[in-house]
Amino acid sequence: MFKRSEQDKRPQLQIFVDGVAVAARQGDTVSAALLASGCDARRSTAVSGAPRLPYCMMGVCFDCLVTIDGVGNRQGCLVPVAEGMQIEIQKGKREIGR
């Protein structure tokens, strides 16, 4: 659905999504990197289990919630990627202590 421009010459970084290495670019947000990678970036809602994708990409809708480096309910559209970042797609409600 999304494809990087061939003109994008920013340095590559490696992040890990659910334990799988994924290439990202310096300056990407977590949500942008997930969408560009082709990963199944859908989270599921806590109540109905309905699938969600990043939508507004500016921190308003909360459909991009992920766990980043062990901290849950982070808005992936607002967090820039960093080398080695560990990301987990949230499935259902947040776990206590995460």
C-alpha atoms as a PDB file:
ATOM      1  CA  MET A   1       0.000   0.000   0.000  1.00  0.00           C
ATOM      2  CA  PHE A   2       2.836   2.398   0.858  1.00  0.00           C
ATOM      3  CA  LYS A   3       6.181   2.574  -0.906  1.00  0.00           C
ATOM      4  CA  ARG A   4       9.295   4.580  -0.198  1.00  0.00           C
ATOM      5  CA  SER A   5      10.458   7.056  -2.795  1.00  0.00           C
ATOM      6  CA  GLU A   6      13.584   5.991  -4.636  1.00  0.00           C
ATOM      7  CA  GLN A   7      14.880   9.502  -3.937  1.00  0.00           C
ATOM      8  CA  ASP A   8      14.823   8.898  -0.176  1.00  0.00           C
ATOM      9  CA  LYS A   9      18.531   8.782   0.658  1.00  0.00           C
ATOM     10  CA  ARG A  10      18.244   9.081   4.444  1.00  0.00           C
ATOM     11  CA  PRO A  11      20.398   6.634   6.421  1.00  0.00           C
ATOM     12  CA  GLN A  12      18.793   3.276   7.233  1.00  0.00           C
ATOM     13  CA  LEU A  13      18.218   2.049  10.771  1.00  0.00           C
ATOM     14  CA  GLN A  14      17.185  -1.364  12.020  1.00  0.00           C
ATOM     15  CA  ILE A  15      14.223  -1.717  14.355  1.00  0.00           C
ATOM     16  CA  PHE A  16      12.545  -4.881  15.599  1.00  0.00           C
ATOM     17  CA  VAL A  17       8.810  -5.431  15.270  1.00  0.00           C
ATOM     18  CA  ASP A  18       7.506  -8.373  17.274  1.00  0.00           C
ATOM     19  CA  GLY A  19      11.078  -9.713  17.200  1.00  0.00           C
ATOM     20  CA  VAL A  20      11.547  -9.396  13.424  1.00  0.00           C
ATOM     21  CA  ALA A  21      14.184  -7.020  12.016  1.00  0.00           C
ATOM     22  CA  VAL A  22      12.674  -4.217   9.932  1.00  0.00           C
ATOM     23  CA  ALA A  23      14.484  -1.500   7.972  1.00  0.00           C
ATOM     24  CA  ALA A  24      13.513   2.083   8.784  1.00  0.00           C
ATOM     25  CA  ARG A  25      14.931   5.463   7.827  1.00  0.00           C
ATOM     26  CA  GLN A  26      16.381   8.113  10.079  1.00  0.00           C
ATOM     27  CA  GLY A  27      13.619  10.634  10.792  1.00  0.00           C
ATOM     28  CA  ASP A  28      10.741   8.154  10.368  1.00  0.00           C
ATOM     29  CA  THR A  29       8.163   7.872  13.087  1.00  0.00           C
ATOM     30  CA  VAL A  30       7.398   4.353  14.289  1.00  0.00           C
ATOM     31  CA  SER A  31       4.055   4.379  12.439  1.00  0.00           C
ATOM     32  CA  ALA A  32       5.602   5.643   9.185  1.00  0.00           C
ATOM     33  CA  ALA A  33       8.311   2.966   9.365  1.00  0.00           C
ATOM     34  CA  LEU A  34       5.712   0.240   9.965  1.00  0.00           C
ATOM     35  CA  LEU A  35       3.524   1.362   7.078  1.00  0.00           C
ATOM     36  CA  ALA A  36       6.504   1.710   4.707  1.00  0.00           C
ATOM     37  CA  SER A  37       7.836  -1.718   5.667  1.00  0.00           C
ATOM     38  CA  GLY A  38       4.683  -3.526   4.632  1.00  0.00           C
ATOM     39  CA  CYS A  39       4.369  -5.072   8.108  1.00  0.00           C
ATOM     40  CA  ASP A  40       0.931  -5.925   9.352  1.00  0.00           C
ATOM     41  CA  ALA A  41       0.806  -2.916  11.668  1.00  0.00           C
ATOM     42  CA  ARG A  42      -2.746  -3.515  12.818  1.00  0.00           C
ATOM     43  CA  ARG A  43      -3.439  -3.361  16.491  1.00  0.00           C
ATOM     44  CA  SER A  44      -6.665  -4.650  17.969  1.00  0.00           C
ATOM     45  CA  THR A  45      -8.912  -2.668  20.249  1.00  0.00           C
ATOM     46  CA  ALA A  46      -9.328  -3.663  23.878  1.00  0.00           C
ATOM     47  CA  VAL A  47     -13.123  -4.006  23.883  1.00  0.00           C
ATOM     48  CA  SER A  48     -14.199  -5.445  20.523  1.00  0.00           C
ATOM     49  CA  GLY A  49     -10.892  -6.643  19.086  1.00  0.00           C
ATOM     50  CA  ALA A  50     -11.505  -4.554  15.962  1.00  0.00           C
ATOM     51  CA  PRO A  51      -8.381  -4.043  13.822  1.00  0.00           C
ATOM     52  CA  ARG A  52      -6.861  -0.558  13.622  1.00  0.00           C
ATOM     53  CA  LEU A  53      -4.113   1.035  11.502  1.00  0.00           C
ATOM     54  CA  PRO A  54      -2.362   4.369  11.990  1.00  0.00           C
ATOM     55  CA  TYR A  55      -4.850   6.919  10.668  1.00  0.00           C
ATOM     56  CA  CYS A  56      -4.265  10.607  11.387  1.00  0.00           C
ATOM     57  CA  MET A  57      -0.454  10.437  11.805  1.00  0.00           C
ATOM     58  CA  MET A  58      -0.525  13.478  14.115  1.00  0.00           C
ATOM     59  CA  GLY A  59      -1.477  12.163  17.561  1.00  0.00           C
ATOM     60  CA  VAL A  60      -5.220  12.767  17.550  1.00  0.00           C
ATOM     61  CA  CYS A  61      -6.889   9.392  16.893  1.00  0.00           C
ATOM     62  CA  PHE A  62      -4.804   6.922  19.014  1.00  0.00           C
ATOM     63  CA  ASP A  63      -5.164   4.178  16.384  1.00  0.00           C
ATOM     64  CA  CYS A  64      -1.371   3.759  16.217  1.00  0.00           C
ATOM     65  CA  LEU A  65      -0.798   2.563  19.810  1.00  0.00           C
ATOM     66  CA  VAL A  66       2.182   0.218  20.152  1.00  0.00           C
ATOM     67  CA  THR A  67       4.546  -0.991  22.848  1.00  0.00           C
ATOM     68  CA  ILE A  68       7.972   0.621  22.419  1.00  0.00           C
ATOM     69  CA  ASP A  69      10.957  -0.704  24.363  1.00  0.00           C
ATOM     70  CA  GLY A  70       8.609  -2.274  26.915  1.00  0.00           C
ATOM     71  CA  VAL A  71       6.378   0.785  27.437  1.00  0.00           C
ATOM     72  CA  GLY A  72       2.795   0.230  26.280  1.00  0.00           C
ATOM     73  CA  ASN A  73       0.201   2.594  24.813  1.00  0.00           C
ATOM     74  CA  ARG A  74       2.762   4.752  22.983  1.00  0.00           C
ATOM     75  CA  GLN A  75       1.516   6.702  19.987  1.00  0.00           C
ATOM     76  CA  GLY A  76       3.698   5.393  17.188  1.00  0.00           C
ATOM     77  CA  CYS A  77       2.966   8.414  14.997  1.00  0.00           C
ATOM     78  CA  LEU A  78       4.700  10.723  17.494  1.00  0.00           C
ATOM     79  CA  VAL A  79       7.808   8.682  18.345  1.00  0.00           C
ATOM     80  CA  PRO A  80      10.843   8.824  16.036  1.00  0.00           C
ATOM     81  CA  VAL A  81      12.596   5.517  15.382  1.00  0.00           C
ATOM     82  CA  ALA A  82      15.972   4.767  16.931  1.00  0.00           C
ATOM     83  CA  GLU A  83      18.515   2.091  16.098  1.00  0.00           C
ATOM     84  CA  GLY A  84      17.590  -1.220  17.732  1.00  0.00           C
ATOM     85  CA  MET A  85      14.186  -0.035  18.977  1.00  0.00           C
ATOM     86  CA  GLN A  86      11.919  -2.905  20.080  1.00  0.00           C
ATOM     87  CA  ILE A  87       8.299  -2.500  18.977  1.00  0.00           C
ATOM     88  CA  GLU A  88       5.363  -4.774  19.715  1.00  0.00           C
ATOM     89  CA  ILE A  89       2.005  -4.442  17.997  1.00  0.00           C
ATOM     90  CA  GLN A  90      -0.620  -4.141  20.739  1.00  0.00           C
ATOM     91  CA  LYS A  91      -3.265  -6.833  20.686  1.00  0.00           C
ATOM     92  CA  GLY A  92      -6.189  -5.988  22.927  1.00  0.00           C
ATOM     93  CA  LYS A  93      -5.891  -4.241  26.250  1.00  0.00           C
ATOM     94  CA  ARG A  94      -2.661  -3.044  27.805  1.00  0.00           C
ATOM     95  CA  GLU A  95      -0.967  -5.331  30.291  1.00  0.00           C
ATOM     96  CA  ILE A  96      -0.369  -4.066  33.826  1.00  0.00           C
ATOM     97  CA  GLY A  97       3.187  -2.843  34.238  1.00  0.00           C
ATOM     98  CA  ARG A  98       3.755  -2.236  30.524  1.00  0.00           C
END
